[in-house]
């Protein structure tokens, strides 16, 4: 068998990838999807190569607009693991003055988590989720998502941050996302077992791209 590679310049690869996704996904025939929602899904598919996200992603009403609003206001993004923070475009985020924050590796967080018998991600969310946070991006730890839902409900009944809840896995990952949908009104998630840090970062990056339009 002869393998035929696409002849394309390095600078055109991303644009061609997005063109292929748009062509195969054909979002204009999905009446339930508007342009911003598709752009978020498109970037997630680009990050994963998985068109299943076109069916399992869920968006609370106004969630995308809230995320964009908070980005433009210079609010920070709190993540559950370093990999999510690393995947967020820092040059783009810095144009509005916000930062991607993850303290899961801090010794103080580790000590507090051990004392309380909780995960470090869960403890970091509790300690750091304050009014400076505009987006909480959870890509790995279901415990962190459950804690984010609880803390937001308790501390921010009005104008809550956007919660991007896409932890991946088999133990409590699907359940934590169901809890997010049931008990929060400002979320973006992907139901079921699929998700991960690249998905959480892709959603944030998609929101930043939309904010620049």
Foldseek 3Di string as FASTA:
>chain_A
DDDDDDDDDPVCVVVVLLVVLCVVVVCVVVVVDDDLNVLLLSLLCVLPVDNCLVPQKDFFVCQLVLLLVLLLCQAEEEELDVLLQVLADPVLSPVNNYHYDYCLPPPVLVVVCVVVVHHSSLSRLVVPDDPSHQEYFYFADLSNLLSNLVCCVVPPVDSGHEYEQEHADDPNNQVSVVVCVVRHRRYIYGHDRGGGSSSSNSSSNSSSVVSVD
